[in-house]
C-alpha atoms as a PDB file:
ATOM      1  CA  MET A   1     -64.072 -23.823   3.188  1.00  0.00           C
ATOM      2  CA  ILE A   2     -66.718 -21.467   1.805  1.00  0.00           C
ATOM      3  CA  LYS A   3     -69.462 -23.179   3.815  1.00  0.00           C
ATOM      4  CA  ARG A   4     -67.451 -22.795   7.011  1.00  0.00           C
ATOM      5  CA  ARG A   5     -66.759 -19.123   6.281  1.00  0.00           C
ATOM      6  CA  LEU A   6     -70.428 -18.419   5.519  1.00  0.00           C
ATOM      7  CA  LYS A   7     -71.497 -20.141   8.725  1.00  0.00           C
ATOM      8  CA  ARG A   8     -69.025 -18.043  10.722  1.00  0.00           C
ATOM      9  CA  HIS A   9     -70.267 -14.822   9.060  1.00  0.00           C
ATOM     10  CA  GLN A  10     -73.863 -15.820   9.762  1.00  0.00           C
ATOM     11  CA  LYS A  11     -73.085 -16.484  13.434  1.00  0.00           C
ATOM     12  CA  ARG A  12     -71.407 -13.081  13.773  1.00  0.00           C
ATOM     13  CA  ALA A  13     -74.283 -11.273  12.041  1.00  0.00           C
ATOM     14  CA  ILE A  14     -76.835 -12.921  14.342  1.00  0.00           C
ATOM     15  CA  ALA A  15     -74.724 -12.007  17.390  1.00  0.00           C
ATOM     16  CA  ARG A  16     -74.762  -8.365  16.227  1.00  0.00           C
ATOM     17  CA  GLY A  17     -78.525  -8.535  15.691  1.00  0.00           C
ATOM     18  CA  GLU A  18     -78.186  -8.077  11.938  1.00  0.00           C
ATOM     19  CA  GLU A  19     -79.855  -9.939   9.111  1.00  0.00           C
ATOM     20  CA  PHE A  20     -77.476 -12.298   7.323  1.00  0.00           C
ATOM     21  CA  LYS A  21     -77.368 -11.491   3.609  1.00  0.00           C
ATOM     22  CA  PRO A  22     -74.349 -13.154   2.003  1.00  0.00           C
ATOM     23  CA  LYS A  23     -73.024 -11.571  -1.164  1.00  0.00           C
ATOM     24  CA  VAL A  24     -72.873 -13.927  -4.100  1.00  0.00           C
ATOM     25  CA  ASN A  25     -69.677 -13.473  -6.068  1.00  0.00           C
ATOM     26  CA  LEU A  26     -69.528 -15.537  -9.220  1.00  0.00           C
ATOM     27  CA  GLU A  27     -66.382 -13.837 -10.472  1.00  0.00           C
ATOM     28  CA  VAL A  28     -63.671 -16.337 -11.372  1.00  0.00           C
ATOM     29  CA  LYS A  29     -60.289 -15.389  -9.978  1.00  0.00           C
ATOM     30  CA  GLU A  30     -56.985 -16.601 -11.317  1.00  0.00           C
ATOM     31  CA  PHE A  31     -54.128 -16.798  -8.853  1.00  0.00           C
ATOM     32  CA  GLU A  32     -50.470 -16.761  -9.604  1.00  0.00           C
ATOM     33  CA  GLN A  33     -48.032 -18.768  -7.534  1.00  0.00           C
ATOM     34  CA  PHE A  34     -48.497 -18.361  -3.783  1.00  0.00           C
ATOM     35  CA  HIS A  35     -47.048 -19.704  -0.549  1.00  0.00           C
ATOM     36  CA  CYS A  36     -48.859 -21.374   2.354  1.00  0.00           C
ATOM     37  CA  ILE A  37     -47.667 -20.784   5.900  1.00  0.00           C
ATOM     38  CA  LEU A  38     -48.981 -22.731   8.893  1.00  0.00           C
ATOM     39  CA  MET A  39     -49.542 -20.383  11.825  1.00  0.00           C
ATOM     40  CA  SER A  40     -51.188 -20.580  15.221  1.00  0.00           C
ATOM     41  CA  SER A  41     -53.414 -18.063  16.928  1.00  0.00           C
ATOM     42  CA  ASN A  42     -51.976 -16.302  19.977  1.00  0.00           C
ATOM     43  CA  SER A  43     -55.378 -16.207  21.649  1.00  0.00           C
ATOM     44  CA  ASN A  44     -56.487 -19.842  21.344  1.00  0.00           C
ATOM     45  CA  GLN A  45     -53.439 -21.628  19.868  1.00  0.00           C
ATOM     46  CA  GLN A  46     -55.589 -22.928  16.979  1.00  0.00           C
ATOM     47  CA  GLU A  47     -53.596 -23.573  13.819  1.00  0.00           C
ATOM     48  CA  PHE A  48     -54.572 -22.084  10.474  1.00  0.00           C
ATOM     49  CA  ILE A  49     -53.036 -21.581   7.048  1.00  0.00           C
ATOM     50  CA  ILE A  50     -52.182 -18.187   5.616  1.00  0.00           C
ATOM     51  CA  HIS A  51     -51.796 -17.884   1.857  1.00  0.00           C
ATOM     52  CA  ILE A  52     -49.164 -15.363   0.740  1.00  0.00           C
ATOM     53  CA  GLN A  53     -49.150 -13.955  -2.777  1.00  0.00           C
ATOM     54  CA  ARG A  54     -46.937 -11.355  -4.353  1.00  0.00           C
ATOM     55  CA  GLU A  55     -48.444  -8.601  -6.439  1.00  0.00           C
ATOM     56  CA  ASN A  56     -46.347  -6.097  -8.347  1.00  0.00           C
ATOM     57  CA  VAL A  57     -47.589  -2.504  -8.085  1.00  0.00           C
ATOM     58  CA  GLU A  58     -46.460   0.760  -9.615  1.00  0.00           C
ATOM     59  CA  ILE A  59     -47.308   3.017  -6.648  1.00  0.00           C
ATOM     60  CA  GLN A  60     -46.239   2.426  -3.066  1.00  0.00           C
ATOM     61  CA  ASN A  61     -49.160   2.301  -0.609  1.00  0.00           C
ATOM     62  CA  LYS A  62     -49.085   3.445   2.989  1.00  0.00           C
ATOM     63  CA  PRO A  63     -48.481   0.271   5.026  1.00  0.00           C
ATOM     64  CA  TYR A  64     -51.559  -0.972   6.866  1.00  0.00           C
ATOM     65  CA  PHE A  65     -51.066  -4.560   8.015  1.00  0.00           C
ATOM     66  CA  SER A  66     -52.825  -7.011  10.320  1.00  0.00           C
ATOM     67  CA  LEU A  67     -51.473  -8.029  13.718  1.00  0.00           C
ATOM     68  CA  TYR A  68     -49.612 -10.843  11.952  1.00  0.00           C
ATOM     69  CA  GLY A  69     -47.824  -8.335   9.717  1.00  0.00           C
ATOM     70  CA  PHE A  70     -49.720  -9.231   6.552  1.00  0.00           C
ATOM     71  CA  ALA A  71     -52.065  -7.420   4.218  1.00  0.00           C
ATOM     72  CA  THR A  72     -55.338  -8.853   2.952  1.00  0.00           C
ATOM     73  CA  ASN A  73     -57.102  -8.393  -0.330  1.00  0.00           C
ATOM     74  CA  GLU A  74     -59.827  -6.324   1.299  1.00  0.00           C
ATOM     75  CA  LYS A  75     -59.193  -4.662   4.644  1.00  0.00           C
ATOM     76  CA  PHE A  76     -55.440  -4.354   5.080  1.00  0.00           C
ATOM     77  CA  SER A  77     -53.087  -3.189   2.367  1.00  0.00           C
ATOM     78  CA  GLY A  78     -49.532  -2.061   2.088  1.00  0.00           C
ATOM     79  CA  THR A  79     -46.433  -2.479   0.031  1.00  0.00           C
ATOM     80  CA  VAL A  80     -43.028  -3.778   0.942  1.00  0.00           C
ATOM     81  CA  PRO A  81     -39.841  -3.450  -1.085  1.00  0.00           C
ATOM     82  CA  ASP A  82     -38.791  -6.256  -3.410  1.00  0.00           C
ATOM     83  CA  LEU A  83     -35.408  -7.333  -2.080  1.00  0.00           C
ATOM     84  CA  SER A  84     -34.999 -10.339  -4.367  1.00  0.00           C
ATOM     85  CA  SER A  85     -32.284  -8.580  -6.361  1.00  0.00           C
ATOM     86  CA  LEU A  86     -30.152  -8.435  -3.196  1.00  0.00           C
ATOM     87  CA  ILE A  87     -30.325 -12.175  -2.589  1.00  0.00           C
ATOM     88  CA  THR A  88     -27.545 -14.183  -4.173  1.00  0.00           C
ATOM     89  CA  ASP A  89     -27.450 -17.934  -4.499  1.00  0.00           C
ATOM     90  CA  ILE A  90     -24.630 -19.462  -2.487  1.00  0.00           C
END
């Protein structure tokens, strides 16, 4: 997956006329439980997987989400209320 992403970034950089200098990140990340959702692109109908992870925060951020209604770790961010206390098992 990393190779594919790097190749895509390189192709975009070349198309913009920029030099491709990938950042090397050797930081190990630990992930808590997350969900995978299979989605399809509206533009080309290609399927892809979105990984959803919950993060508890103390301060509410101004919502800034992607076209799919999600935040990312880098560009888009936003908070939504935790409604789990309102859900009751039937």
